[in-house]
Amino acid sequence: MPATSARRIVLAVLAAAIVACNKSPSVPSPGNTPQVQTNTITITSSGADPRNISIALGTRVLFVNNDSRPHNMTSDPHPDHNDCPDINQVGFLSPGQSRETGNLVVTRTCGFHDHDNPSQGNLIGQIVIR
């Protein structure tokens, strides 16, 4: 193999390695996380799980706090919480406590978050009502 061809291959491999190393890790947002068909969201020290669910029209969603810290789960946007007021019925959850939303009766996507930690990504999610 001529030296010029070998040099081109080495440069191409180095360029590909540099591009791969410079990419920042992607953090899934609620919008690109797969939807799970359930009506229970469990909160742990790792956050809400699942963060993106799909439910039938008229269903309630149960939030369960299995974390050692309290959480105050509310509808988006922060601080108004007026997109899906039925989520606000969950509100403040002490460790070990659980509470349901109201009946979600409008076809739409509702965002939720922890009011006391509104920018904590692992406590932000969506409920898709179909």
C-alpha atoms as a PDB file:
ATOM      1  CA  MET A   1       0.000   0.000   0.000  1.00  0.00           C
ATOM      2  CA  PRO A   2       1.505   3.375  -0.933  1.00  0.00           C
ATOM      3  CA  ALA A   3       2.423   5.695   1.976  1.00  0.00           C
ATOM      4  CA  THR A   4      -0.090   8.312   0.794  1.00  0.00           C
ATOM      5  CA  SER A   5      -3.017   5.849   1.028  1.00  0.00           C
ATOM      6  CA  ALA A   6      -1.927   4.623   4.463  1.00  0.00           C
ATOM      7  CA  ARG A   7      -1.609   8.232   5.662  1.00  0.00           C
ATOM      8  CA  ARG A   8      -5.167   8.993   4.422  1.00  0.00           C
ATOM      9  CA  ILE A   9      -6.569   5.975   6.271  1.00  0.00           C
ATOM     10  CA  VAL A  10      -4.808   6.958   9.501  1.00  0.00           C
ATOM     11  CA  LEU A  11      -6.064  10.550   9.179  1.00  0.00           C
ATOM     12  CA  ALA A  12      -9.635   9.352   8.530  1.00  0.00           C
ATOM     13  CA  VAL A  13      -9.544   7.076  11.596  1.00  0.00           C
ATOM     14  CA  LEU A  14      -8.132   9.903  13.744  1.00  0.00           C
ATOM     15  CA  ALA A  15     -10.777  12.335  12.493  1.00  0.00           C
ATOM     16  CA  ALA A  16     -13.563   9.851  13.285  1.00  0.00           C
ATOM     17  CA  ALA A  17     -12.144   9.302  16.791  1.00  0.00           C
ATOM     18  CA  ILE A  18     -11.957  13.049  17.453  1.00  0.00           C
ATOM     19  CA  VAL A  19     -15.554  13.569  16.328  1.00  0.00           C
ATOM     20  CA  ALA A  20     -16.753  10.679  18.522  1.00  0.00           C
ATOM     21  CA  CYS A  21     -14.873  11.991  21.570  1.00  0.00           C
ATOM     22  CA  ASN A  22     -16.189  15.529  21.189  1.00  0.00           C
ATOM     23  CA  LYS A  23     -19.858  14.535  21.228  1.00  0.00           C
ATOM     24  CA  SER A  24     -21.549  15.327  24.514  1.00  0.00           C
ATOM     25  CA  PRO A  25     -23.602  12.558  26.050  1.00  0.00           C
ATOM     26  CA  SER A  26     -27.280  12.884  25.305  1.00  0.00           C
ATOM     27  CA  VAL A  27     -29.679  13.187  28.205  1.00  0.00           C
ATOM     28  CA  PRO A  28     -33.120  11.981  27.259  1.00  0.00           C
ATOM     29  CA  SER A  29     -35.829  14.578  27.654  1.00  0.00           C
ATOM     30  CA  PRO A  30     -39.386  13.541  28.339  1.00  0.00           C
ATOM     31  CA  GLY A  31     -40.268  14.224  24.709  1.00  0.00           C
ATOM     32  CA  ASN A  32     -37.864  11.647  23.288  1.00  0.00           C
ATOM     33  CA  THR A  33     -38.255   8.967  25.944  1.00  0.00           C
ATOM     34  CA  PRO A  34     -40.425   6.010  24.869  1.00  0.00           C
ATOM     35  CA  GLN A  35     -43.969   6.103  26.224  1.00  0.00           C
ATOM     36  CA  VAL A  36     -44.918   3.379  28.682  1.00  0.00           C
ATOM     37  CA  GLN A  37     -48.540   2.249  29.006  1.00  0.00           C
ATOM     38  CA  THR A  38     -49.130   2.432  32.760  1.00  0.00           C
ATOM     39  CA  ASN A  39     -50.971   4.615  35.203  1.00  0.00           C
ATOM     40  CA  THR A  40     -48.358   4.492  37.994  1.00  0.00           C
ATOM     41  CA  ILE A  41     -45.298   6.723  38.309  1.00  0.00           C
ATOM     42  CA  THR A  42     -42.865   5.805  41.077  1.00  0.00           C
ATOM     43  CA  ILE A  43     -40.468   8.383  42.508  1.00  0.00           C
ATOM     44  CA  THR A  44     -37.138   7.148  43.873  1.00  0.00           C
ATOM     45  CA  SER A  45     -33.773   8.762  44.541  1.00  0.00           C
ATOM     46  CA  SER A  46     -33.129   8.250  40.803  1.00  0.00           C
ATOM     47  CA  GLY A  47     -36.206  10.285  39.826  1.00  0.00           C
ATOM     48  CA  ALA A  48     -39.629   9.550  38.359  1.00  0.00           C
ATOM     49  CA  ASP A  49     -40.060   6.195  36.632  1.00  0.00           C
ATOM     50  CA  PRO A  50     -41.372   6.034  34.033  1.00  0.00           C
ATOM     51  CA  ARG A  51     -41.065   9.666  32.987  1.00  0.00           C
ATOM     52  CA  ASN A  52     -43.218   9.411  29.863  1.00  0.00           C
ATOM     53  CA  ILE A  53     -46.462   7.462  30.017  1.00  0.00           C
ATOM     54  CA  SER A  54     -49.518   6.959  27.824  1.00  0.00           C
ATOM     55  CA  ILE A  55     -52.965   6.501  29.363  1.00  0.00           C
ATOM     56  CA  ALA A  56     -56.544   6.107  28.227  1.00  0.00           C
ATOM     57  CA  LEU A  57     -58.874   9.077  28.338  1.00  0.00           C
ATOM     58  CA  GLY A  58     -60.501   9.410  31.785  1.00  0.00           C
ATOM     59  CA  THR A  59     -57.754   7.545  33.646  1.00  0.00           C
ATOM     60  CA  ARG A  60     -56.116   8.690  36.881  1.00  0.00           C
ATOM     61  CA  VAL A  61     -52.359   8.440  37.420  1.00  0.00           C
ATOM     62  CA  LEU A  62     -50.955   7.237  40.738  1.00  0.00           C
ATOM     63  CA  PHE A  63     -47.732   8.867  41.951  1.00  0.00           C
ATOM     64  CA  VAL A  64     -45.861   6.792  44.556  1.00  0.00           C
ATOM     65  CA  ASN A  65     -43.021   8.387  46.543  1.00  0.00           C
ATOM     66  CA  ASN A  66     -40.473   5.652  47.315  1.00  0.00           C
ATOM     67  CA  ASP A  67     -37.719   8.237  47.866  1.00  0.00           C
ATOM     68  CA  SER A  68     -36.405   9.216  51.296  1.00  0.00           C
ATOM     69  CA  ARG A  69     -37.190  12.868  50.462  1.00  0.00           C
ATOM     70  CA  PRO A  70     -40.559  14.560  49.998  1.00  0.00           C
ATOM     71  CA  HIS A  71     -41.659  15.647  46.522  1.00  0.00           C
ATOM     72  CA  ASN A  72     -44.274  18.151  45.362  1.00  0.00           C
ATOM     73  CA  MET A  73     -45.576  16.871  42.015  1.00  0.00           C
ATOM     74  CA  THR A  74     -47.438  19.415  39.885  1.00  0.00           C
ATOM     75  CA  SER A  75     -48.488  20.203  36.327  1.00  0.00           C
ATOM     76  CA  ASP A  76     -46.372  22.263  33.956  1.00  0.00           C
ATOM     77  CA  PRO A  77     -45.507  25.069  33.495  1.00  0.00           C
ATOM     78  CA  HIS A  78     -43.620  26.123  36.583  1.00  0.00           C
ATOM     79  CA  PRO A  79     -44.670  28.076  38.652  1.00  0.00           C
ATOM     80  CA  ASP A  80     -48.238  28.453  37.311  1.00  0.00           C
ATOM     81  CA  HIS A  81     -49.137  24.721  37.114  1.00  0.00           C
ATOM     82  CA  ASN A  82     -52.164  25.417  34.926  1.00  0.00           C
ATOM     83  CA  ASP A  83     -51.690  23.163  31.860  1.00  0.00           C
ATOM     84  CA  CYS A  84     -53.299  20.091  33.464  1.00  0.00           C
ATOM     85  CA  PRO A  85     -54.709  21.099  36.855  1.00  0.00           C
ATOM     86  CA  ASP A  86     -55.807  17.515  37.631  1.00  0.00           C
ATOM     87  CA  ILE A  87     -52.129  16.630  38.159  1.00  0.00           C
ATOM     88  CA  ASN A  88     -51.944  19.229  40.935  1.00  0.00           C
ATOM     89  CA  GLN A  89     -54.140  16.974  43.105  1.00  0.00           C
ATOM     90  CA  VAL A  90     -51.003  14.880  43.694  1.00  0.00           C
ATOM     91  CA  GLY A  91     -49.142  17.789  45.306  1.00  0.00           C
ATOM     92  CA  PHE A  92     -46.878  17.205  48.304  1.00  0.00           C
ATOM     93  CA  LEU A  93     -45.874  13.579  48.909  1.00  0.00           C
ATOM     94  CA  SER A  94     -43.950  12.593  52.017  1.00  0.00           C
ATOM     95  CA  PRO A  95     -41.672   9.548  51.746  1.00  0.00           C
ATOM     96  CA  GLY A  96     -43.831   6.416  51.443  1.00  0.00           C
ATOM     97  CA  GLN A  97     -46.937   8.380  50.489  1.00  0.00           C
ATOM     98  CA  SER A  98     -48.943   8.033  47.242  1.00  0.00           C
ATOM     99  CA  ARG A  99     -51.755  10.006  45.660  1.00  0.00           C
ATOM    100  CA  GLU A 100     -53.706  10.017  42.392  1.00  0.00           C
ATOM    101  CA  THR A 101     -54.324  12.769  39.905  1.00  0.00           C
ATOM    102  CA  GLY A 102     -57.881  13.693  39.072  1.00  0.00           C
ATOM    103  CA  ASN A 103     -59.488  11.997  36.069  1.00  0.00           C
ATOM    104  CA  LEU A 104     -57.572  13.156  32.980  1.00  0.00           C
ATOM    105  CA  VAL A 105     -60.463  13.717  30.556  1.00  0.00           C
ATOM    106  CA  VAL A 106     -58.983  15.828  27.742  1.00  0.00           C
ATOM    107  CA  THR A 107     -56.923  14.277  24.934  1.00  0.00           C
ATOM    108  CA  ARG A 108     -53.530  16.007  25.173  1.00  0.00           C
ATOM    109  CA  THR A 109     -50.015  15.785  26.561  1.00  0.00           C
ATOM    110  CA  CYS A 110     -49.516  16.975  30.131  1.00  0.00           C
ATOM    111  CA  GLY A 111     -46.108  17.764  31.542  1.00  0.00           C
ATOM    112  CA  PHE A 112     -45.307  17.287  35.227  1.00  0.00           C
ATOM    113  CA  HIS A 113     -42.434  18.212  37.536  1.00  0.00           C
ATOM    114  CA  ASP A 114     -41.477  18.548  41.187  1.00  0.00           C
ATOM    115  CA  HIS A 115     -42.487  22.096  42.154  1.00  0.00           C
ATOM    116  CA  ASP A 116     -39.716  22.262  44.759  1.00  0.00           C
ATOM    117  CA  ASN A 117     -37.081  21.106  42.197  1.00  0.00           C
ATOM    118  CA  PRO A 118     -38.497  22.348  38.868  1.00  0.00           C
ATOM    119  CA  SER A 119     -35.277  22.012  36.885  1.00  0.00           C
ATOM    120  CA  GLN A 120     -34.308  18.538  38.132  1.00  0.00           C
ATOM    121  CA  GLY A 121     -34.531  16.614  34.859  1.00  0.00           C
ATOM    122  CA  ASN A 122     -35.153  13.187  36.355  1.00  0.00           C
ATOM    123  CA  LEU A 123     -38.333  14.527  38.012  1.00  0.00           C
ATOM    124  CA  ILE A 124     -39.745  16.000  34.792  1.00  0.00           C
ATOM    125  CA  GLY A 125     -42.073  13.925  32.625  1.00  0.00           C
ATOM    126  CA  GLN A 126     -45.148  13.730  30.421  1.00  0.00           C
ATOM    127  CA  ILE A 127     -48.505  12.025  30.524  1.00  0.00           C
ATOM    128  CA  VAL A 128     -50.014  11.449  27.082  1.00  0.00           C
ATOM    129  CA  ILE A 129     -53.794  11.140  27.295  1.00  0.00           C
ATOM    130  CA  ARG A 130     -55.386   9.300  24.341  1.00  0.00           C
END
